[in-house]
N, C-alpha and C. Protein backbone atom coordinates (compact mmCIF):
# COMPACT_ATOMS: atom_id res chain seq x y z
N MET A 1 -81.43 -22.25 41.23
CA MET A 1 -80.65 -21.44 40.45
C MET A 1 -81.71 -21.12 39.21
N LYS A 2 -81.84 -19.92 38.62
CA LYS A 2 -82.65 -19.77 37.41
C LYS A 2 -81.36 -19.60 36.49
N LYS A 3 -81.63 -19.92 34.82
CA LYS A 3 -80.81 -19.40 34.07
C LYS A 3 -81.37 -18.84 32.63
N ILE A 4 -81.01 -17.97 32.36
CA ILE A 4 -81.73 -17.38 31.25
C ILE A 4 -80.73 -17.29 30.03
N LYS A 5 -81.18 -17.71 28.48
CA LYS A 5 -80.38 -17.64 27.33
C LYS A 5 -80.09 -16.14 26.97
N ILE A 6 -78.77 -15.87 26.81
CA ILE A 6 -78.66 -14.39 26.57
C ILE A 6 -77.37 -14.64 25.47
N PRO A 7 -77.42 -13.56 24.64
CA PRO A 7 -76.43 -13.32 23.57
C PRO A 7 -75.10 -12.79 24.48
N VAL A 8 -74.05 -13.49 23.74
CA VAL A 8 -72.58 -12.95 24.35
C VAL A 8 -71.86 -12.77 23.23
N GLU A 9 -71.14 -11.32 23.36
CA GLU A 9 -70.30 -10.90 22.13
C GLU A 9 -69.04 -10.69 22.67
N VAL A 10 -68.11 -10.95 21.57
CA VAL A 10 -66.79 -10.70 21.84
C VAL A 10 -66.42 -9.29 21.44
N SER A 11 -65.50 -8.61 22.27
CA SER A 11 -65.22 -7.23 22.09
C SER A 11 -64.00 -7.04 21.94
N ALA A 12 -63.37 -6.91 20.75
CA ALA A 12 -62.12 -7.06 20.06
C ALA A 12 -61.47 -5.49 20.60
N ARG A 13 -60.04 -5.38 20.55
CA ARG A 13 -59.42 -4.03 21.30
C ARG A 13 -59.95 -3.18 20.21
N HIS A 14 -60.18 -1.85 20.89
CA HIS A 14 -60.69 -0.66 20.18
C HIS A 14 -60.74 0.56 20.65
N ILE A 15 -60.90 1.55 20.13
CA ILE A 15 -60.78 2.91 20.86
C ILE A 15 -61.89 3.82 20.70
N HIS A 16 -62.56 4.46 21.63
CA HIS A 16 -63.72 5.57 21.84
C HIS A 16 -62.73 6.94 21.51
N LEU A 17 -63.08 7.79 20.83
CA LEU A 17 -62.63 9.23 20.85
C LEU A 17 -63.85 10.06 21.05
N SER A 18 -63.20 11.26 21.77
CA SER A 18 -63.81 12.58 21.91
C SER A 18 -63.69 13.07 20.71
N GLN A 19 -64.64 14.33 20.42
CA GLN A 19 -64.53 14.86 19.21
C GLN A 19 -62.92 15.60 19.03
N LYS A 20 -62.73 16.18 20.50
CA LYS A 20 -61.38 17.10 20.30
C LYS A 20 -60.27 16.09 19.86
N ASP A 21 -60.14 15.08 20.49
CA ASP A 21 -59.12 13.94 19.95
C ASP A 21 -59.35 13.56 18.84
N LEU A 22 -60.28 13.45 18.09
CA LEU A 22 -60.77 12.83 16.63
C LEU A 22 -60.21 13.85 15.81
N ASP A 23 -60.35 15.27 16.20
CA ASP A 23 -60.02 16.43 15.28
C ASP A 23 -58.45 16.47 15.12
N LYS A 24 -57.76 16.33 16.64
CA LYS A 24 -56.23 15.94 16.36
C LYS A 24 -55.88 15.17 15.66
N LEU A 25 -56.61 13.96 15.39
CA LEU A 25 -56.06 12.89 14.65
C LEU A 25 -56.39 12.93 13.18
N PHE A 26 -57.44 13.52 13.02
CA PHE A 26 -58.06 13.35 11.39
C PHE A 26 -58.43 14.79 10.82
N GLY A 27 -58.26 15.95 11.79
CA GLY A 27 -58.34 17.36 11.11
C GLY A 27 -59.82 17.80 11.75
N LYS A 28 -59.66 19.15 11.74
CA LYS A 28 -60.96 19.88 12.27
C LYS A 28 -62.25 19.51 11.88
N ASN A 29 -63.13 19.47 12.73
CA ASN A 29 -64.61 19.16 12.51
C ASN A 29 -64.61 17.73 11.68
N TYR A 30 -63.81 17.10 11.90
CA TYR A 30 -63.89 15.64 11.27
C TYR A 30 -65.12 14.51 11.85
N THR A 31 -65.83 14.13 10.90
CA THR A 31 -66.89 12.96 11.29
C THR A 31 -66.45 11.54 10.71
N LEU A 32 -66.69 10.68 11.76
CA LEU A 32 -66.78 9.41 11.50
C LEU A 32 -67.34 8.90 10.52
N HIS A 33 -67.10 7.80 9.72
CA HIS A 33 -67.92 7.07 8.56
C HIS A 33 -68.32 5.85 9.12
N LYS A 34 -69.40 5.23 8.88
CA LYS A 34 -69.78 4.30 9.59
C LYS A 34 -69.27 3.14 8.83
N LEU A 35 -68.79 2.01 9.25
CA LEU A 35 -68.44 0.73 8.58
C LEU A 35 -69.72 -0.29 8.62
N LYS A 36 -70.20 -0.51 9.96
CA LYS A 36 -71.50 -1.29 10.23
C LYS A 36 -71.80 -0.96 11.70
N ASP A 37 -72.84 -1.10 11.96
CA ASP A 37 -73.89 -1.06 13.21
C ASP A 37 -73.53 -1.99 13.94
N LEU A 38 -73.20 -1.92 15.37
CA LEU A 38 -72.83 -2.93 16.50
C LEU A 38 -74.39 -2.94 17.05
N SER A 39 -74.11 -4.05 17.82
CA SER A 39 -75.24 -4.56 18.64
C SER A 39 -76.32 -3.53 19.54
N GLN A 40 -75.42 -2.59 20.09
CA GLN A 40 -75.98 -1.71 21.12
C GLN A 40 -76.54 -0.43 20.15
N VAL A 41 -77.67 0.20 20.37
CA VAL A 41 -78.43 1.23 19.64
C VAL A 41 -77.36 2.40 19.43
N GLY A 42 -77.14 2.88 18.34
CA GLY A 42 -76.46 3.88 18.15
C GLY A 42 -74.65 3.59 17.80
N ASP A 43 -74.18 2.53 18.57
CA ASP A 43 -73.01 2.25 18.41
C ASP A 43 -72.69 1.66 16.96
N PHE A 44 -71.49 1.98 16.46
CA PHE A 44 -70.81 1.59 15.06
C PHE A 44 -69.64 1.58 15.11
N ALA A 45 -68.94 0.34 14.32
CA ALA A 45 -67.55 0.35 14.03
C ALA A 45 -67.29 1.18 12.74
N ALA A 46 -66.38 2.38 12.99
CA ALA A 46 -65.98 3.29 12.05
C ALA A 46 -65.19 2.63 11.12
N LYS A 47 -65.46 3.28 10.00
CA LYS A 47 -64.14 2.84 8.91
C LYS A 47 -62.64 3.31 9.20
N GLU A 48 -62.45 4.24 10.10
CA GLU A 48 -61.30 4.93 10.20
C GLU A 48 -60.63 4.06 11.38
N LYS A 49 -59.38 4.03 11.51
CA LYS A 49 -58.43 3.33 12.26
C LYS A 49 -57.36 4.30 12.47
N VAL A 50 -56.55 3.93 13.75
CA VAL A 50 -55.27 4.40 13.85
C VAL A 50 -54.51 3.60 14.43
N ALA A 51 -53.31 4.17 15.11
CA ALA A 51 -52.25 3.20 15.50
C ALA A 51 -51.96 3.79 16.94
N LEU A 52 -51.57 2.72 17.65
CA LEU A 52 -51.12 2.79 19.02
C LEU A 52 -49.58 2.87 18.87
N VAL A 53 -48.73 3.76 19.55
CA VAL A 53 -47.53 4.06 19.60
C VAL A 53 -46.52 3.93 20.75
N LYS A 54 -45.54 3.18 20.84
CA LYS A 54 -45.07 2.71 22.41
C LYS A 54 -43.54 2.79 21.76
N THR A 55 -42.54 3.09 22.76
CA THR A 55 -41.20 2.88 22.33
C THR A 55 -41.06 1.56 21.77
N ASN A 56 -40.38 1.16 20.59
CA ASN A 56 -40.26 -0.07 19.75
C ASN A 56 -41.23 -0.56 19.42
N THR A 57 -42.71 -0.31 19.88
CA THR A 57 -43.65 -1.12 19.38
C THR A 57 -44.78 -0.24 18.70
N CYS A 58 -45.62 -0.69 17.78
CA CYS A 58 -46.66 -0.05 17.24
C CYS A 58 -47.89 -1.15 17.13
N VAL A 59 -48.84 -0.75 17.29
CA VAL A 59 -50.18 -1.58 16.81
C VAL A 59 -50.87 -0.75 15.93
N HIS A 60 -51.12 -1.16 14.72
CA HIS A 60 -51.58 -0.58 13.52
C HIS A 60 -52.90 -1.12 13.46
N GLY A 61 -53.95 -0.22 12.64
CA GLY A 61 -55.18 -0.56 12.64
C GLY A 61 -56.41 -0.82 13.97
N LEU A 62 -56.00 0.00 14.92
CA LEU A 62 -56.77 0.04 15.84
C LEU A 62 -58.28 0.91 15.32
N ARG A 63 -59.34 -0.25 15.31
CA ARG A 63 -60.81 0.12 15.01
C ARG A 63 -61.45 1.34 16.01
N ILE A 64 -62.13 2.28 15.50
CA ILE A 64 -62.42 3.24 16.15
C ILE A 64 -64.12 2.99 16.26
N VAL A 65 -64.72 3.10 17.52
CA VAL A 65 -66.17 3.10 17.92
C VAL A 65 -66.81 4.13 17.89
N GLY A 66 -67.79 4.43 17.14
CA GLY A 66 -68.33 5.64 17.31
C GLY A 66 -69.85 5.72 18.15
N PRO A 67 -70.64 6.59 18.24
CA PRO A 67 -70.29 8.06 18.06
C PRO A 67 -69.21 8.54 19.19
N THR A 68 -68.86 9.61 18.98
CA THR A 68 -67.91 10.22 19.53
C THR A 68 -68.39 10.59 21.01
N ARG A 69 -67.43 10.28 21.97
CA ARG A 69 -67.79 10.40 23.68
C ARG A 69 -66.93 11.63 23.98
N THR A 70 -67.56 11.80 25.36
CA THR A 70 -67.01 13.04 26.17
C THR A 70 -65.51 12.92 26.42
N GLU A 71 -64.85 11.62 26.71
CA GLU A 71 -63.45 11.39 26.94
C GLU A 71 -63.24 10.37 26.09
N SER A 72 -62.12 10.03 25.76
CA SER A 72 -61.59 9.06 24.84
C SER A 72 -61.02 8.28 26.03
N GLN A 73 -61.17 7.02 25.32
CA GLN A 73 -60.58 5.99 25.93
C GLN A 73 -60.14 4.54 24.88
N ILE A 74 -59.05 3.94 25.07
CA ILE A 74 -58.65 2.74 24.62
C ILE A 74 -58.87 1.58 25.39
N GLU A 75 -59.69 0.57 24.87
CA GLU A 75 -59.98 -0.77 25.41
C GLU A 75 -59.24 -2.00 24.78
N LEU A 76 -58.24 -2.40 25.86
CA LEU A 76 -57.41 -3.72 25.33
C LEU A 76 -57.70 -4.91 25.93
N SER A 77 -57.33 -6.12 25.79
CA SER A 77 -57.06 -7.15 26.39
C SER A 77 -55.89 -7.47 27.12
N PHE A 78 -56.02 -8.02 28.24
CA PHE A 78 -54.78 -8.28 29.15
C PHE A 78 -53.65 -8.73 28.25
N THR A 79 -53.86 -9.67 27.48
CA THR A 79 -52.85 -9.98 26.10
C THR A 79 -51.95 -8.61 25.46
N ASP A 80 -53.12 -8.06 24.94
CA ASP A 80 -52.66 -6.69 24.26
C ASP A 80 -51.83 -5.75 25.36
N ALA A 81 -52.13 -5.54 26.52
CA ALA A 81 -51.31 -4.74 27.33
C ALA A 81 -49.79 -5.38 27.62
N VAL A 82 -49.75 -6.69 27.78
CA VAL A 82 -48.45 -7.15 27.94
C VAL A 82 -47.92 -7.05 26.51
N HIS A 83 -48.45 -7.44 25.56
CA HIS A 83 -47.57 -7.16 24.06
C HIS A 83 -47.05 -5.76 24.46
N LEU A 84 -47.70 -4.65 24.98
CA LEU A 84 -47.37 -3.34 24.86
C LEU A 84 -46.51 -2.81 25.71
N GLY A 85 -46.35 -3.81 26.95
CA GLY A 85 -45.48 -3.74 27.86
C GLY A 85 -45.95 -2.46 28.96
N ILE A 86 -47.58 -2.45 28.82
CA ILE A 86 -48.12 -1.60 30.01
C ILE A 86 -49.06 -2.29 30.75
N ASP A 87 -49.36 -1.52 32.22
CA ASP A 87 -50.21 -2.17 33.21
C ASP A 87 -51.44 -1.38 33.22
N ALA A 88 -52.28 -1.71 32.28
CA ALA A 88 -53.43 -1.04 32.07
C ALA A 88 -54.56 -1.65 33.17
N PRO A 89 -55.29 -0.81 33.89
CA PRO A 89 -56.24 -1.27 35.02
C PRO A 89 -57.38 -1.99 34.48
N VAL A 90 -57.97 -2.67 35.22
CA VAL A 90 -59.32 -3.36 34.67
C VAL A 90 -60.73 -2.21 35.31
N VAL A 91 -61.15 -1.58 34.64
CA VAL A 91 -62.07 -0.92 35.28
C VAL A 91 -63.31 -0.97 34.11
N LEU A 92 -64.62 -0.43 34.64
CA LEU A 92 -65.88 -0.50 33.78
C LEU A 92 -65.53 0.77 32.95
N SER A 93 -65.91 0.24 31.47
CA SER A 93 -65.80 1.17 30.30
C SER A 93 -66.51 2.61 30.82
N GLY A 94 -65.74 3.66 30.55
CA GLY A 94 -66.36 4.95 31.04
C GLY A 94 -65.97 5.49 32.33
N LYS A 95 -65.43 4.67 32.96
CA LYS A 95 -65.08 4.98 34.67
C LYS A 95 -63.81 5.37 34.25
N LEU A 96 -63.26 6.40 33.93
CA LEU A 96 -61.87 6.66 34.02
C LEU A 96 -61.14 7.86 34.66
N GLU A 97 -61.95 7.96 35.77
CA GLU A 97 -61.41 9.15 36.83
C GLU A 97 -60.14 8.74 37.31
N ASN A 98 -59.75 7.37 37.60
CA ASN A 98 -58.57 7.38 38.37
C ASN A 98 -57.41 6.41 37.45
N VAL A 99 -57.83 6.57 36.15
CA VAL A 99 -56.91 5.63 35.21
C VAL A 99 -55.54 6.60 35.17
N LYS A 100 -54.47 6.03 35.22
CA LYS A 100 -53.45 6.85 35.06
C LYS A 100 -52.34 6.18 33.92
N THR A 101 -52.78 5.36 32.90
CA THR A 101 -52.10 4.77 31.82
C THR A 101 -52.62 5.32 30.63
N PHE A 102 -51.60 5.66 29.88
CA PHE A 102 -51.66 6.55 28.65
C PHE A 102 -50.87 5.62 27.44
N LEU A 103 -51.35 5.81 26.16
CA LEU A 103 -50.72 5.66 25.08
C LEU A 103 -50.73 6.83 24.19
N GLU A 104 -49.59 6.83 23.37
CA GLU A 104 -49.86 7.73 22.57
C GLU A 104 -50.69 7.25 21.04
N VAL A 105 -51.38 8.01 20.50
CA VAL A 105 -52.31 7.45 19.45
C VAL A 105 -52.32 8.21 18.27
N LYS A 106 -51.61 7.53 17.03
CA LYS A 106 -51.52 8.46 15.92
C LYS A 106 -52.36 8.46 14.80
N GLY A 107 -53.17 9.22 14.17
CA GLY A 107 -53.98 9.28 13.01
C GLY A 107 -53.06 9.96 11.83
N PRO A 108 -53.86 10.04 10.70
CA PRO A 108 -53.01 10.81 9.72
C PRO A 108 -52.69 12.41 9.39
N LYS A 109 -53.41 12.95 10.41
CA LYS A 109 -53.18 14.41 10.71
C LYS A 109 -52.39 14.82 12.19
N GLY A 110 -52.24 13.73 12.90
CA GLY A 110 -51.63 14.24 14.27
C GLY A 110 -51.85 12.89 15.05
N LYS A 111 -51.44 13.59 16.52
CA LYS A 111 -51.49 12.47 17.43
C LYS A 111 -51.91 13.14 18.68
N THR A 112 -52.23 12.23 19.74
CA THR A 112 -52.65 12.75 21.24
C THR A 112 -52.49 11.50 22.04
N LYS A 113 -52.52 11.39 23.56
CA LYS A 113 -52.24 11.00 24.24
C LYS A 113 -53.93 10.33 24.88
N VAL A 114 -54.13 9.08 24.94
CA VAL A 114 -55.15 8.77 25.54
C VAL A 114 -55.32 7.58 26.50
N LYS A 115 -56.05 7.61 27.50
CA LYS A 115 -56.40 6.64 28.58
C LYS A 115 -56.54 5.10 27.91
N VAL A 116 -55.97 4.31 28.86
CA VAL A 116 -55.94 3.01 28.53
C VAL A 116 -56.52 2.21 29.46
N ILE A 117 -57.50 1.04 29.33
CA ILE A 117 -57.94 0.11 30.21
C ILE A 117 -58.12 -1.19 29.62
N VAL A 118 -58.45 -2.09 30.43
CA VAL A 118 -58.94 -3.53 30.13
C VAL A 118 -60.30 -3.30 30.75
N PRO A 119 -61.41 -3.47 29.62
CA PRO A 119 -62.66 -3.00 30.25
C PRO A 119 -63.09 -4.53 31.45
N GLU A 120 -63.86 -4.15 32.29
CA GLU A 120 -64.54 -5.22 33.01
C GLU A 120 -65.82 -5.49 31.90
N ARG A 121 -65.74 -6.88 32.60
CA ARG A 121 -66.74 -7.81 31.63
C ARG A 121 -68.17 -7.30 32.25
N HIS A 122 -69.01 -7.00 31.33
CA HIS A 122 -70.31 -6.53 31.78
C HIS A 122 -71.60 -6.94 30.82
N LEU A 123 -72.52 -6.70 31.31
CA LEU A 123 -73.88 -7.14 30.80
C LEU A 123 -75.07 -5.92 30.43
N HIS A 124 -75.18 -5.63 29.16
CA HIS A 124 -75.97 -4.77 28.95
C HIS A 124 -77.24 -4.98 28.87
N CYS A 125 -78.28 -4.05 29.45
CA CYS A 125 -79.64 -4.42 29.26
C CYS A 125 -80.44 -3.22 29.44
N SER A 126 -81.63 -3.24 29.18
CA SER A 126 -82.54 -2.18 29.06
C SER A 126 -83.29 -2.20 30.42
N PRO A 127 -83.96 -0.91 31.02
CA PRO A 127 -84.66 -0.90 32.00
C PRO A 127 -85.79 -2.09 32.19
N GLN A 128 -86.34 -2.15 30.95
CA GLN A 128 -87.39 -3.32 30.61
C GLN A 128 -86.97 -4.36 30.99
N GLU A 129 -85.86 -5.03 30.31
CA GLU A 129 -85.09 -6.32 30.58
C GLU A 129 -84.67 -6.34 31.98
N ALA A 130 -84.05 -5.32 32.60
CA ALA A 130 -83.87 -5.45 34.06
C ALA A 130 -84.86 -5.44 34.83
N LYS A 131 -86.13 -4.91 34.60
CA LYS A 131 -87.04 -4.99 35.49
C LYS A 131 -87.64 -6.63 35.38
N LYS A 132 -87.83 -7.33 34.04
CA LYS A 132 -88.29 -8.59 33.87
C LYS A 132 -87.29 -9.75 34.53
N TYR A 133 -85.73 -9.31 34.76
CA TYR A 133 -85.36 -10.53 35.25
C TYR A 133 -84.76 -10.05 36.91
N ASN A 134 -85.41 -9.00 37.34
CA ASN A 134 -85.06 -8.43 38.58
C ASN A 134 -83.33 -7.90 38.66
N LEU A 135 -83.08 -7.43 37.73
CA LEU A 135 -81.55 -6.83 37.98
C LEU A 135 -81.26 -5.65 37.97
N LYS A 136 -80.42 -5.32 38.83
CA LYS A 136 -80.11 -3.68 39.32
C LYS A 136 -78.79 -3.45 38.77
N ASN A 137 -78.84 -2.28 38.45
CA ASN A 137 -77.51 -1.48 37.86
C ASN A 137 -76.43 -1.79 39.01
N GLY A 138 -75.17 -2.17 38.49
CA GLY A 138 -74.17 -2.36 39.24
C GLY A 138 -73.80 -3.68 39.71
N GLN A 139 -75.07 -4.44 40.02
CA GLN A 139 -74.96 -5.93 40.25
C GLN A 139 -74.04 -6.74 39.71
N LYS A 140 -73.68 -7.74 40.20
CA LYS A 140 -72.70 -8.64 39.56
C LYS A 140 -73.61 -10.01 39.39
N VAL A 141 -73.12 -10.61 38.04
CA VAL A 141 -74.00 -11.62 37.71
C VAL A 141 -72.88 -13.04 37.33
N GLY A 142 -73.46 -13.77 37.01
CA GLY A 142 -72.55 -15.13 36.36
C GLY A 142 -73.16 -15.26 34.79
N VAL A 143 -72.31 -15.60 34.01
CA VAL A 143 -72.85 -16.11 32.84
C VAL A 143 -72.11 -17.26 32.19
N GLU A 144 -72.64 -18.51 32.02
CA GLU A 144 -72.02 -19.64 31.43
C GLU A 144 -72.30 -19.82 30.05
N ILE A 145 -70.92 -20.36 29.54
CA ILE A 145 -70.89 -20.32 28.11
C ILE A 145 -70.59 -21.86 28.06
N ILE A 146 -71.61 -22.66 27.27
CA ILE A 146 -71.68 -23.71 26.98
C ILE A 146 -70.51 -24.06 25.71
N GLY A 147 -70.09 -25.49 26.06
CA GLY A 147 -69.28 -25.94 24.85
C GLY A 147 -67.86 -26.80 25.34
N ASN A 148 -67.06 -27.32 24.63
CA ASN A 148 -65.99 -27.99 24.81
C ASN A 148 -65.18 -27.53 25.55
N ARG A 149 -65.19 -26.02 25.89
CA ARG A 149 -64.21 -25.57 26.76
C ARG A 149 -65.23 -24.36 27.52
N GLY A 150 -66.30 -24.91 27.75
CA GLY A 150 -67.21 -23.96 28.83
C GLY A 150 -66.83 -23.73 29.98
N LEU A 151 -67.17 -22.74 30.31
CA LEU A 151 -67.01 -22.37 31.42
C LEU A 151 -68.06 -20.85 32.18
N ILE A 152 -67.81 -20.90 33.55
CA ILE A 152 -68.67 -19.91 33.95
C ILE A 152 -67.63 -18.55 34.50
N PHE A 153 -68.20 -17.25 33.85
CA PHE A 153 -67.70 -16.06 34.41
C PHE A 153 -68.56 -15.28 35.32
N ASN A 154 -67.86 -15.17 36.44
CA ASN A 154 -68.49 -14.55 37.61
C ASN A 154 -68.17 -12.93 37.28
N ASN A 155 -68.98 -12.30 38.21
CA ASN A 155 -68.57 -11.06 38.49
C ASN A 155 -68.72 -9.94 37.34
N ILE A 156 -69.46 -10.13 36.41
CA ILE A 156 -70.25 -9.75 35.45
C ILE A 156 -71.10 -8.68 35.83
N ASN A 157 -70.77 -7.25 35.51
CA ASN A 157 -71.24 -5.88 35.81
C ASN A 157 -72.29 -5.66 35.10
N VAL A 158 -73.78 -5.66 35.76
CA VAL A 158 -74.78 -5.40 35.02
C VAL A 158 -75.01 -3.54 34.69
N ARG A 159 -75.00 -3.36 33.48
CA ARG A 159 -75.21 -1.97 33.26
C ARG A 159 -76.63 -1.91 32.48
N ILE A 160 -77.38 -0.77 33.21
CA ILE A 160 -78.60 -0.41 32.58
C ILE A 160 -78.77 0.75 31.88
N GLY A 161 -79.35 0.75 30.88
CA GLY A 161 -79.35 2.05 30.04
C GLY A 161 -80.92 2.02 29.06
N ALA A 162 -81.40 3.11 28.78
CA ALA A 162 -82.33 3.35 28.13
C ALA A 162 -82.25 2.77 26.60
N ASP A 163 -80.88 2.82 25.86
CA ASP A 163 -80.71 2.70 24.64
C ASP A 163 -80.06 1.23 24.53
N PHE A 164 -79.60 0.49 25.66
CA PHE A 164 -79.23 -0.84 25.66
C PHE A 164 -80.03 -2.13 25.26
N LYS A 165 -79.56 -3.16 24.82
CA LYS A 165 -80.46 -4.36 24.81
C LYS A 165 -79.62 -5.52 25.38
N MET A 166 -80.13 -6.41 25.82
CA MET A 166 -79.19 -7.61 26.45
C MET A 166 -78.16 -8.26 25.56
N ALA A 167 -76.99 -8.08 26.19
CA ALA A 167 -76.14 -8.55 25.31
C ALA A 167 -74.65 -8.60 26.65
N CYS A 168 -73.96 -9.87 26.78
CA CYS A 168 -72.70 -10.18 27.97
C CYS A 168 -71.76 -9.65 26.70
N HIS A 169 -70.76 -8.91 27.36
CA HIS A 169 -69.77 -8.06 26.45
C HIS A 169 -68.32 -8.87 27.18
N LEU A 170 -67.72 -9.69 26.71
CA LEU A 170 -66.17 -10.13 26.91
C LEU A 170 -65.27 -9.92 25.86
N ASP A 171 -64.04 -9.95 26.49
CA ASP A 171 -62.94 -9.19 25.68
C ASP A 171 -62.39 -10.62 24.82
N THR A 172 -61.43 -10.42 24.11
CA THR A 172 -60.94 -11.57 23.29
C THR A 172 -60.24 -12.98 24.12
N ASP A 173 -59.40 -12.29 25.15
CA ASP A 173 -58.91 -13.37 26.01
C ASP A 173 -59.89 -14.21 26.68
N GLU A 174 -60.95 -13.74 27.25
CA GLU A 174 -62.22 -14.01 27.74
C GLU A 174 -62.47 -15.15 26.93
N ALA A 175 -63.03 -14.74 25.57
CA ALA A 175 -63.66 -15.38 24.56
C ALA A 175 -62.64 -16.73 24.39
N ASN A 176 -61.43 -16.28 24.07
CA ASN A 176 -60.90 -17.78 23.64
C ASN A 176 -60.62 -18.54 24.85
N ALA A 177 -60.41 -18.01 26.15
CA ALA A 177 -60.44 -19.11 27.26
C ALA A 177 -61.65 -20.30 27.36
N CYS A 178 -62.74 -19.69 26.64
CA CYS A 178 -64.04 -20.55 26.72
C CYS A 178 -64.41 -21.20 25.03
N GLY A 179 -63.67 -20.93 24.08
CA GLY A 179 -63.53 -21.46 23.09
C GLY A 179 -64.74 -20.70 22.25
N LEU A 180 -65.10 -19.49 22.72
CA LEU A 180 -66.07 -18.69 22.16
C LEU A 180 -65.21 -17.86 20.86
N ASN A 181 -65.22 -18.59 19.63
CA ASN A 181 -64.27 -17.80 18.64
C ASN A 181 -65.12 -17.10 17.81
N LYS A 182 -66.36 -16.49 17.84
CA LYS A 182 -67.16 -16.07 17.00
C LYS A 182 -67.18 -14.69 17.77
N VAL A 183 -67.60 -13.80 16.64
CA VAL A 183 -68.10 -12.48 17.09
C VAL A 183 -69.44 -12.31 18.03
N CYS A 184 -70.10 -13.43 18.09
CA CYS A 184 -71.33 -13.54 18.82
C CYS A 184 -71.49 -15.00 19.06
N GLY A 185 -72.00 -15.39 20.14
CA GLY A 185 -72.43 -16.67 20.95
C GLY A 185 -73.67 -16.55 21.80
N VAL A 186 -73.83 -17.51 22.39
CA VAL A 186 -75.07 -17.59 23.32
C VAL A 186 -74.37 -18.15 24.85
N GLY A 187 -75.11 -17.59 25.84
CA GLY A 187 -74.46 -18.03 27.18
C GLY A 187 -75.73 -18.07 28.06
N MET A 188 -75.78 -18.64 29.29
CA MET A 188 -76.73 -18.64 29.99
C MET A 188 -76.47 -17.60 31.15
N LEU A 189 -77.47 -16.60 31.64
CA LEU A 189 -77.63 -15.82 32.72
C LEU A 189 -77.70 -16.37 33.78
N ILE A 190 -76.84 -16.75 34.83
CA ILE A 190 -77.08 -17.07 36.14
C ILE A 190 -77.44 -16.23 36.97
N LEU A 191 -78.99 -16.30 37.62
CA LEU A 191 -79.22 -15.55 38.67
C LEU A 191 -79.54 -16.61 39.97
């Protein structure tokens, strides 16, 4: 069994917005303001935040991740979904065709409804990295987290993209389960 050291990043709850939904929430032709760059090329945490609204429950301060996308989506952990009393499906980010769970999102200028998912754990990699490690798009791999609460995550979906660089993304529930309490740690890709 071959193991390769890779970065492991914790992806906290956040929202991706289409320009249409961004305009509904912040005003016509609104442009997001970058707070900081994220590890994947072109992705950034925006200064702007929104609120998720459900009867008797509200989650304030949900960070927007830019740039805008063709379709909006909210990414939560299972714990977030339970707290909100919703049944969010586990799907690969961006694969929203069959998602039927929505939450109302409120911004300073208006509100809109957005699909909600618990994102599948995944591994970003460039075509060059994929070739080097003989990885295929959609392949399932394992990643071992080393430490006092170390464990192996299976069924990690490989995502290959020209602007991607090697990093495994886990949600906060998964990160807490293995004691990975930082934004970024190290794991071993199991091939």
